[in-house]
Amino acid sequence: MFRSRRLPSLLRWLVFLAGWALLACAGATVRDEEIAECRAGEISTWPDGTDRPAIGRQIRIVYRHDGAPAWFDAATVSQSIDRAAQAWSGCGIPAELVASDGSDGVAALPDTVVILWDEAGSLGNFGLANPGKRRLFLGPQAFRQLRKVNPGYDARQTLQMVISHELGHFFGLMAHSRRCVDVLSYYHDDRGNQCQTRDPAGLKAVVEYRSQLPTACDIARCRAVNRISPLKNGRLQ
């Protein structure tokens, strides 16, 4: 079973998000450029996995809403899934959210990912990908704790980031990025090593530097591991 690294620990997330209203604008221009552009030599990953081809040449996504926190309706979660799927489709592997009648027919197809709320499956994380079983588990308790600590925070932002991050593993990105802004990133390891950014001061000036959707470097990695032609000029189109 593949377990994605926490993104980051729940406690760190809650401390960060509690101060969301204090977000500063410094470094925003650099961050936006990092999201849109992947420069030569910029891709770097943590030694926690090996990228491999996606689970299929197209990816279907089925969503099961049972067990979701009450403040997330099915439409809200589906919209987040659809945004992530459309963004990851820039890799050259089409992805789409498909309707399900509740049976296991579509879910059993080899190129289908099932997203569901499951505390045991998420292992206490906001989200956890299991590419071998074609399951993406969302953690209801983590989102409940987030709401308890900061009820005024719009948790849709975290939901989008978690879904985008975990879906990336099904496209073959098994290693996490050391590029701070990438949606597949985590900020530091357990030995004091930090992620990388063009503007370290900008990283410190904002609460959440990581993108909510895949960046140009996330897409470039995906295209490379799946042997699809690179981005034009290293930029998202």
C-alpha atoms as a PDB file:
ATOM      1  CA  MET A   1       0.000   0.000   0.000  1.00  0.00           C
ATOM      2  CA  PHE A   2       1.310   3.423  -0.925  1.00  0.00           C
ATOM      3  CA  ARG A   3       1.031   6.066   1.727  1.00  0.00           C
ATOM      4  CA  SER A   4       1.641   9.653   0.642  1.00  0.00           C
ATOM      5  CA  ARG A   5       3.563  11.829   3.070  1.00  0.00           C
ATOM      6  CA  ARG A   6       1.424  14.099   5.212  1.00  0.00           C
ATOM      7  CA  LEU A   7       1.027  17.502   3.705  1.00  0.00           C
ATOM      8  CA  PRO A   8       2.356  18.672   6.085  1.00  0.00           C
ATOM      9  CA  SER A   9       1.432  17.392   9.580  1.00  0.00           C
ATOM     10  CA  LEU A  10      -2.084  18.193  10.743  1.00  0.00           C
ATOM     11  CA  LEU A  11      -0.817  20.368  13.585  1.00  0.00           C
ATOM     12  CA  ARG A  12       1.334  22.454  11.230  1.00  0.00           C
ATOM     13  CA  TRP A  13      -1.609  22.937   8.879  1.00  0.00           C
ATOM     14  CA  LEU A  14      -3.885  24.085  11.654  1.00  0.00           C
ATOM     15  CA  VAL A  15      -1.349  26.579  12.979  1.00  0.00           C
ATOM     16  CA  PHE A  16      -0.789  27.953   9.481  1.00  0.00           C
ATOM     17  CA  LEU A  17      -4.453  28.175   8.566  1.00  0.00           C
ATOM     18  CA  ALA A  18      -5.453  29.813  11.831  1.00  0.00           C
ATOM     19  CA  GLY A  19      -3.473  32.843  10.667  1.00  0.00           C
ATOM     20  CA  TRP A  20      -4.861  32.933   7.142  1.00  0.00           C
ATOM     21  CA  ALA A  21      -6.234  36.466   7.556  1.00  0.00           C
ATOM     22  CA  LEU A  22      -2.693  37.736   8.104  1.00  0.00           C
ATOM     23  CA  LEU A  23      -1.570  36.742   4.613  1.00  0.00           C
ATOM     24  CA  ALA A  24       0.877  39.249   3.143  1.00  0.00           C
ATOM     25  CA  CYS A  25       1.255  40.112  -0.507  1.00  0.00           C
ATOM     26  CA  ALA A  26       5.063  39.999  -0.579  1.00  0.00           C
ATOM     27  CA  GLY A  27       6.426  37.443  -3.032  1.00  0.00           C
ATOM     28  CA  ALA A  28       3.066  36.903  -4.769  1.00  0.00           C
ATOM     29  CA  THR A  29       4.421  37.876  -8.192  1.00  0.00           C
ATOM     30  CA  VAL A  30       7.325  35.446  -7.900  1.00  0.00           C
ATOM     31  CA  ARG A  31       4.992  32.719  -6.680  1.00  0.00           C
ATOM     32  CA  ASP A  32       2.614  33.255  -9.603  1.00  0.00           C
ATOM     33  CA  GLU A  33       5.527  32.980 -12.030  1.00  0.00           C
ATOM     34  CA  GLU A  34       6.751  29.806 -10.342  1.00  0.00           C
ATOM     35  CA  ILE A  35       3.314  28.275 -10.782  1.00  0.00           C
ATOM     36  CA  ALA A  36       3.163  29.149 -14.485  1.00  0.00           C
ATOM     37  CA  GLU A  37       6.758  28.431 -15.496  1.00  0.00           C
ATOM     38  CA  CYS A  38       9.158  25.516 -15.031  1.00  0.00           C
ATOM     39  CA  ARG A  39      12.732  26.545 -15.753  1.00  0.00           C
ATOM     40  CA  ALA A  40      15.471  24.173 -16.912  1.00  0.00           C
ATOM     41  CA  GLY A  41      17.013  22.337 -13.972  1.00  0.00           C
ATOM     42  CA  GLU A  42      14.314  23.445 -11.550  1.00  0.00           C
ATOM     43  CA  ILE A  43      12.586  20.101 -11.039  1.00  0.00           C
ATOM     44  CA  SER A  44      13.734  18.487  -7.813  1.00  0.00           C
ATOM     45  CA  THR A  45      12.177  15.779  -5.662  1.00  0.00           C
ATOM     46  CA  TRP A  46      12.562  14.375  -2.180  1.00  0.00           C
ATOM     47  CA  PRO A  47      14.007  10.833  -1.981  1.00  0.00           C
ATOM     48  CA  ASP A  48      10.695   9.311  -0.906  1.00  0.00           C
ATOM     49  CA  GLY A  49       9.515   7.583  -4.057  1.00  0.00           C
ATOM     50  CA  THR A  50      10.166   6.824  -7.718  1.00  0.00           C
ATOM     51  CA  ASP A  51       7.969   8.277 -10.443  1.00  0.00           C
ATOM     52  CA  ARG A  52       6.334   5.791 -12.786  1.00  0.00           C
ATOM     53  CA  PRO A  53       3.744   5.857 -15.582  1.00  0.00           C
ATOM     54  CA  ALA A  54       0.165   6.806 -14.764  1.00  0.00           C
ATOM     55  CA  ILE A  55      -2.417   4.136 -13.983  1.00  0.00           C
ATOM     56  CA  GLY A  56      -3.796   4.481 -17.526  1.00  0.00           C
ATOM     57  CA  ARG A  57      -3.729   6.543 -20.706  1.00  0.00           C
ATOM     58  CA  GLN A  58      -6.921   8.131 -19.486  1.00  0.00           C
ATOM     59  CA  ILE A  59      -8.236   8.394 -15.954  1.00  0.00           C
ATOM     60  CA  ARG A  60     -11.841   8.212 -14.857  1.00  0.00           C
ATOM     61  CA  ILE A  61     -12.771   9.472 -11.413  1.00  0.00           C
ATOM     62  CA  VAL A  62     -15.768   8.325  -9.387  1.00  0.00           C
ATOM     63  CA  TYR A  63     -16.754  10.228  -6.260  1.00  0.00           C
ATOM     64  CA  ARG A  64     -18.681   8.783  -3.313  1.00  0.00           C
ATOM     65  CA  HIS A  65     -20.030  11.437  -0.972  1.00  0.00           C
ATOM     66  CA  ASP A  66     -21.044   9.233   1.962  1.00  0.00           C
ATOM     67  CA  GLY A  67     -19.293  10.253   5.170  1.00  0.00           C
ATOM     68  CA  ALA A  68     -18.349  13.767   4.060  1.00  0.00           C
ATOM     69  CA  PRO A  69     -18.384  16.569   6.651  1.00  0.00           C
ATOM     70  CA  ALA A  70     -21.789  18.259   6.640  1.00  0.00           C
ATOM     71  CA  TRP A  71     -20.464  21.616   5.368  1.00  0.00           C
ATOM     72  CA  PHE A  72     -19.139  20.038   2.157  1.00  0.00           C
ATOM     73  CA  ASP A  73     -22.028  19.254  -0.150  1.00  0.00           C
ATOM     74  CA  ALA A  74     -21.572  16.843  -3.049  1.00  0.00           C
ATOM     75  CA  ALA A  75     -21.474  19.642  -5.626  1.00  0.00           C
ATOM     76  CA  THR A  76     -18.660  21.475  -3.814  1.00  0.00           C
ATOM     77  CA  VAL A  77     -16.447  18.390  -3.628  1.00  0.00           C
ATOM     78  CA  SER A  78     -17.270  17.408  -7.208  1.00  0.00           C
ATOM     79  CA  GLN A  79     -16.263  20.863  -8.426  1.00  0.00           C
ATOM     80  CA  SER A  80     -12.906  20.550  -6.661  1.00  0.00           C
ATOM     81  CA  ILE A  81     -12.352  17.131  -8.215  1.00  0.00           C
ATOM     82  CA  ASP A  82     -13.283  18.445 -11.653  1.00  0.00           C
ATOM     83  CA  ARG A  83     -10.853  21.387 -11.362  1.00  0.00           C
ATOM     84  CA  ALA A  84      -8.036  19.060 -10.377  1.00  0.00           C
ATOM     85  CA  ALA A  85      -8.865  16.598 -13.157  1.00  0.00           C
ATOM     86  CA  GLN A  86      -8.924  19.316 -15.806  1.00  0.00           C
ATOM     87  CA  ALA A  87      -5.646  20.772 -14.568  1.00  0.00           C
ATOM     88  CA  TRP A  88      -3.889  17.392 -14.512  1.00  0.00           C
ATOM     89  CA  SER A  89      -5.180  16.707 -18.033  1.00  0.00           C
ATOM     90  CA  GLY A  90      -2.514  19.216 -19.115  1.00  0.00           C
ATOM     91  CA  CYS A  91      -0.129  16.297 -18.659  1.00  0.00           C
ATOM     92  CA  GLY A  92      -1.547  14.807 -21.858  1.00  0.00           C
ATOM     93  CA  ILE A  93      -3.534  12.111 -20.065  1.00  0.00           C
ATOM     94  CA  PRO A  94      -7.232  12.985 -20.142  1.00  0.00           C
ATOM     95  CA  ALA A  95      -8.981  12.847 -16.781  1.00  0.00           C
ATOM     96  CA  GLU A  96     -12.644  13.358 -15.986  1.00  0.00           C
ATOM     97  CA  LEU A  97     -15.142  12.951 -13.197  1.00  0.00           C
ATOM     98  CA  VAL A  98     -17.779  10.444 -14.287  1.00  0.00           C
ATOM     99  CA  ALA A  99     -21.204   9.701 -12.884  1.00  0.00           C
ATOM    100  CA  SER A 100     -21.738   6.493 -10.970  1.00  0.00           C
ATOM    101  CA  ASP A 101     -24.970   4.660 -10.242  1.00  0.00           C
ATOM    102  CA  GLY A 102     -23.531   3.390  -6.977  1.00  0.00           C
ATOM    103  CA  SER A 103     -22.619  -0.031  -8.331  1.00  0.00           C
ATOM    104  CA  ASP A 104     -19.058  -1.318  -8.628  1.00  0.00           C
ATOM    105  CA  GLY A 105     -19.115  -1.510 -12.426  1.00  0.00           C
ATOM    106  CA  VAL A 106     -17.299   1.719 -13.305  1.00  0.00           C
ATOM    107  CA  ALA A 107     -15.208   1.657 -10.129  1.00  0.00           C
ATOM    108  CA  ALA A 108     -13.789  -1.747 -11.086  1.00  0.00           C
ATOM    109  CA  LEU A 109     -12.283  -0.503 -14.359  1.00  0.00           C
ATOM    110  CA  PRO A 110      -8.452  -0.430 -14.258  1.00  0.00           C
ATOM    111  CA  ASP A 111      -8.181   3.244 -15.228  1.00  0.00           C
ATOM    112  CA  THR A 112     -10.694   4.450 -12.623  1.00  0.00           C
ATOM    113  CA  VAL A 113      -9.938   6.193  -9.325  1.00  0.00           C
ATOM    114  CA  VAL A 114     -12.560   6.156  -6.574  1.00  0.00           C
ATOM    115  CA  ILE A 115     -12.517   9.137  -4.199  1.00  0.00           C
ATOM    116  CA  LEU A 116     -14.271   8.557  -0.895  1.00  0.00           C
ATOM    117  CA  TRP A 117     -14.398   9.780   2.677  1.00  0.00           C
ATOM    118  CA  ASP A 118     -12.853   7.152   4.917  1.00  0.00           C
ATOM    119  CA  GLU A 119     -11.125   7.813   8.224  1.00  0.00           C
ATOM    120  CA  ALA A 120      -9.388   4.435   8.354  1.00  0.00           C
ATOM    121  CA  GLY A 121      -8.205   4.722   4.755  1.00  0.00           C
ATOM    122  CA  SER A 122      -6.866   8.241   5.250  1.00  0.00           C
ATOM    123  CA  LEU A 123      -4.864   7.186   8.347  1.00  0.00           C
ATOM    124  CA  GLY A 124      -5.621  10.517   9.986  1.00  0.00           C
ATOM    125  CA  ASN A 125      -4.417  12.616   7.052  1.00  0.00           C
ATOM    126  CA  PHE A 126      -6.438  15.160   5.092  1.00  0.00           C
ATOM    127  CA  GLY A 127      -5.984  12.822   2.135  1.00  0.00           C
ATOM    128  CA  LEU A 128      -4.163   9.635   1.204  1.00  0.00           C
ATOM    129  CA  ALA A 129      -3.630   8.069  -2.215  1.00  0.00           C
ATOM    130  CA  ASN A 130      -3.482   4.331  -2.782  1.00  0.00           C
ATOM    131  CA  PRO A 131      -2.658   3.879  -6.488  1.00  0.00           C
ATOM    132  CA  GLY A 132      -2.479   0.095  -6.146  1.00  0.00           C
ATOM    133  CA  LYS A 133      -6.112  -0.076  -5.058  1.00  0.00           C
ATOM    134  CA  ARG A 134      -7.172   2.916  -7.186  1.00  0.00           C
ATOM    135  CA  ARG A 135      -8.505   4.715  -4.127  1.00  0.00           C
ATOM    136  CA  LEU A 136      -8.115   8.279  -2.870  1.00  0.00           C
ATOM    137  CA  PHE A 137      -9.193   8.535   0.753  1.00  0.00           C
ATOM    138  CA  LEU A 138     -10.253  11.874   2.237  1.00  0.00           C
ATOM    139  CA  GLY A 139     -10.026  12.241   6.019  1.00  0.00           C
ATOM    140  CA  PRO A 140     -13.225  13.615   7.586  1.00  0.00           C
ATOM    141  CA  GLN A 141     -11.714  13.994  11.044  1.00  0.00           C
ATOM    142  CA  ALA A 142      -8.859  16.184   9.817  1.00  0.00           C
ATOM    143  CA  PHE A 143     -11.356  18.558   8.204  1.00  0.00           C
ATOM    144  CA  ARG A 144     -13.534  18.538  11.327  1.00  0.00           C
ATOM    145  CA  GLN A 145     -10.523  19.473  13.439  1.00  0.00           C
ATOM    146  CA  LEU A 146      -9.617  22.241  11.006  1.00  0.00           C
ATOM    147  CA  ARG A 147     -13.136  23.677  11.300  1.00  0.00           C
ATOM    148  CA  LYS A 148     -13.007  23.439  15.090  1.00  0.00           C
ATOM    149  CA  VAL A 149      -9.707  25.327  15.302  1.00  0.00           C
ATOM    150  CA  ASN A 150     -10.587  27.961  12.692  1.00  0.00           C
ATOM    151  CA  PRO A 151     -14.330  28.003  11.889  1.00  0.00           C
ATOM    152  CA  GLY A 152     -14.008  31.154   9.784  1.00  0.00           C
ATOM    153  CA  TYR A 153     -11.503  29.643   7.340  1.00  0.00           C
ATOM    154  CA  ASP A 154     -12.771  28.578   3.914  1.00  0.00           C
ATOM    155  CA  ALA A 155     -11.759  24.915   3.965  1.00  0.00           C
ATOM    156  CA  ARG A 156     -12.518  24.582   0.245  1.00  0.00           C
ATOM    157  CA  GLN A 157      -8.993  25.853  -0.317  1.00  0.00           C
ATOM    158  CA  THR A 158      -7.525  22.971   1.658  1.00  0.00           C
ATOM    159  CA  LEU A 159      -9.913  20.525   0.006  1.00  0.00           C
ATOM    160  CA  GLN A 160      -8.769  21.644  -3.450  1.00  0.00           C
ATOM    161  CA  MET A 161      -5.108  21.369  -2.545  1.00  0.00           C
ATOM    162  CA  VAL A 162      -5.483  17.912  -1.022  1.00  0.00           C
ATOM    163  CA  ILE A 163      -7.428  16.527  -3.984  1.00  0.00           C
ATOM    164  CA  SER A 164      -4.987  18.013  -6.506  1.00  0.00           C
ATOM    165  CA  HIS A 165      -1.994  16.694  -4.564  1.00  0.00           C
ATOM    166  CA  GLU A 166      -3.301  13.175  -4.103  1.00  0.00           C
ATOM    167  CA  LEU A 167      -4.558  12.844  -7.686  1.00  0.00           C
ATOM    168  CA  GLY A 168      -1.024  13.577  -8.863  1.00  0.00           C
ATOM    169  CA  HIS A 169       0.089  10.197  -7.536  1.00  0.00           C
ATOM    170  CA  PHE A 170      -2.288   8.427  -9.931  1.00  0.00           C
ATOM    171  CA  PHE A 171      -0.616  10.262 -12.818  1.00  0.00           C
ATOM    172  CA  GLY A 172       2.677   8.674 -11.786  1.00  0.00           C
ATOM    173  CA  LEU A 173       4.237  11.321  -9.525  1.00  0.00           C
ATOM    174  CA  MET A 174       5.202   9.134  -6.596  1.00  0.00           C
ATOM    175  CA  ALA A 175       8.082  11.258  -5.265  1.00  0.00           C
ATOM    176  CA  HIS A 176       7.168  14.534  -3.589  1.00  0.00           C
ATOM    177  CA  SER A 177       8.548  17.772  -4.980  1.00  0.00           C
ATOM    178  CA  ARG A 178      11.206  19.884  -3.281  1.00  0.00           C
ATOM    179  CA  ARG A 179       9.915  22.917  -5.157  1.00  0.00           C
ATOM    180  CA  CYS A 180       7.824  24.663  -2.495  1.00  0.00           C
ATOM    181  CA  VAL A 181       5.123  25.958  -4.816  1.00  0.00           C
ATOM    182  CA  ASP A 182       4.345  22.628  -6.487  1.00  0.00           C
ATOM    183  CA  VAL A 183       1.088  20.991  -5.454  1.00  0.00           C
ATOM    184  CA  LEU A 184       3.078  17.744  -5.064  1.00  0.00           C
ATOM    185  CA  SER A 185       5.479  19.380  -2.599  1.00  0.00           C
ATOM    186  CA  TYR A 186       6.025  19.178   1.075  1.00  0.00           C
ATOM    187  CA  TYR A 187       7.961  21.886   2.842  1.00  0.00           C
ATOM    188  CA  HIS A 188      10.605  20.009   4.828  1.00  0.00           C
ATOM    189  CA  ASP A 189      11.747  16.549   5.801  1.00  0.00           C
ATOM    190  CA  ASP A 190      12.458  15.235   9.274  1.00  0.00           C
ATOM    191  CA  ARG A 191      16.145  16.186   9.120  1.00  0.00           C
ATOM    192  CA  GLY A 192      15.895  19.951   8.769  1.00  0.00           C
ATOM    193  CA  ASN A 193      16.068  20.087   4.968  1.00  0.00           C
ATOM    194  CA  GLN A 194      13.803  22.691   3.359  1.00  0.00           C
ATOM    195  CA  CYS A 195      11.977  22.969   0.051  1.00  0.00           C
ATOM    196  CA  GLN A 196      13.267  25.296  -2.665  1.00  0.00           C
ATOM    197  CA  THR A 197      11.891  28.554  -4.062  1.00  0.00           C
ATOM    198  CA  ARG A 198      13.154  31.418  -6.182  1.00  0.00           C
ATOM    199  CA  ASP A 199      12.288  33.834  -3.376  1.00  0.00           C
ATOM    200  CA  PRO A 200      12.939  32.512   0.165  1.00  0.00           C
ATOM    201  CA  ALA A 201      11.624  35.772   1.633  1.00  0.00           C
ATOM    202  CA  GLY A 202       8.342  35.258  -0.184  1.00  0.00           C
ATOM    203  CA  LEU A 203       8.005  31.791   1.318  1.00  0.00           C
ATOM    204  CA  LYS A 204       8.165  33.266   4.798  1.00  0.00           C
ATOM    205  CA  ALA A 205       5.770  36.104   3.983  1.00  0.00           C
ATOM    206  CA  VAL A 206       2.735  33.946   3.201  1.00  0.00           C
ATOM    207  CA  VAL A 207       0.804  31.348   5.161  1.00  0.00           C
ATOM    208  CA  GLU A 208       0.472  28.775   2.363  1.00  0.00           C
ATOM    209  CA  TYR A 209       2.955  28.846  -0.504  1.00  0.00           C
ATOM    210  CA  ARG A 210       1.906  25.601  -2.155  1.00  0.00           C
ATOM    211  CA  SER A 211      -0.363  25.895  -5.198  1.00  0.00           C
ATOM    212  CA  GLN A 212      -3.913  24.554  -5.083  1.00  0.00           C
ATOM    213  CA  LEU A 213      -3.573  23.086  -8.590  1.00  0.00           C
ATOM    214  CA  PRO A 214      -0.655  21.437 -10.432  1.00  0.00           C
ATOM    215  CA  THR A 215       2.082  23.848 -11.474  1.00  0.00           C
ATOM    216  CA  ALA A 216       4.137  23.885 -14.660  1.00  0.00           C
ATOM    217  CA  CYS A 217       6.793  21.721 -12.983  1.00  0.00           C
ATOM    218  CA  ASP A 218       4.181  19.244 -11.721  1.00  0.00           C
ATOM    219  CA  ILE A 219       2.888  18.938 -15.284  1.00  0.00           C
ATOM    220  CA  ALA A 220       6.414  18.749 -16.739  1.00  0.00           C
ATOM    221  CA  ARG A 221       7.277  15.852 -14.422  1.00  0.00           C
ATOM    222  CA  CYS A 222       4.053  14.107 -15.369  1.00  0.00           C
ATOM    223  CA  ARG A 223       4.724  14.495 -19.077  1.00  0.00           C
ATOM    224  CA  ALA A 224       8.287  13.254 -18.694  1.00  0.00           C
ATOM    225  CA  VAL A 225       7.455  10.085 -16.762  1.00  0.00           C
ATOM    226  CA  ASN A 226       4.620   9.318 -19.207  1.00  0.00           C
ATOM    227  CA  ARG A 227       6.819  10.075 -22.254  1.00  0.00           C
ATOM    228  CA  ILE A 228       4.646  12.897 -23.540  1.00  0.00           C
ATOM    229  CA  SER A 229       6.110  15.889 -25.351  1.00  0.00           C
ATOM    230  CA  PRO A 230       7.314  18.642 -22.974  1.00  0.00           C
ATOM    231  CA  LEU A 231       5.556  21.925 -22.276  1.00  0.00           C
ATOM    232  CA  LYS A 232       6.141  24.696 -24.793  1.00  0.00           C
ATOM    233  CA  ASN A 233       8.803  27.021 -23.357  1.00  0.00           C
ATOM    234  CA  GLY A 234       8.299  25.356 -19.979  1.00  0.00           C
ATOM    235  CA  ARG A 235       5.011  27.168 -19.406  1.00  0.00           C
ATOM    236  CA  LEU A 236       1.423  26.167 -18.768  1.00  0.00           C
ATOM    237  CA  GLN A 237      -0.638  26.977 -21.835  1.00  0.00           C
END
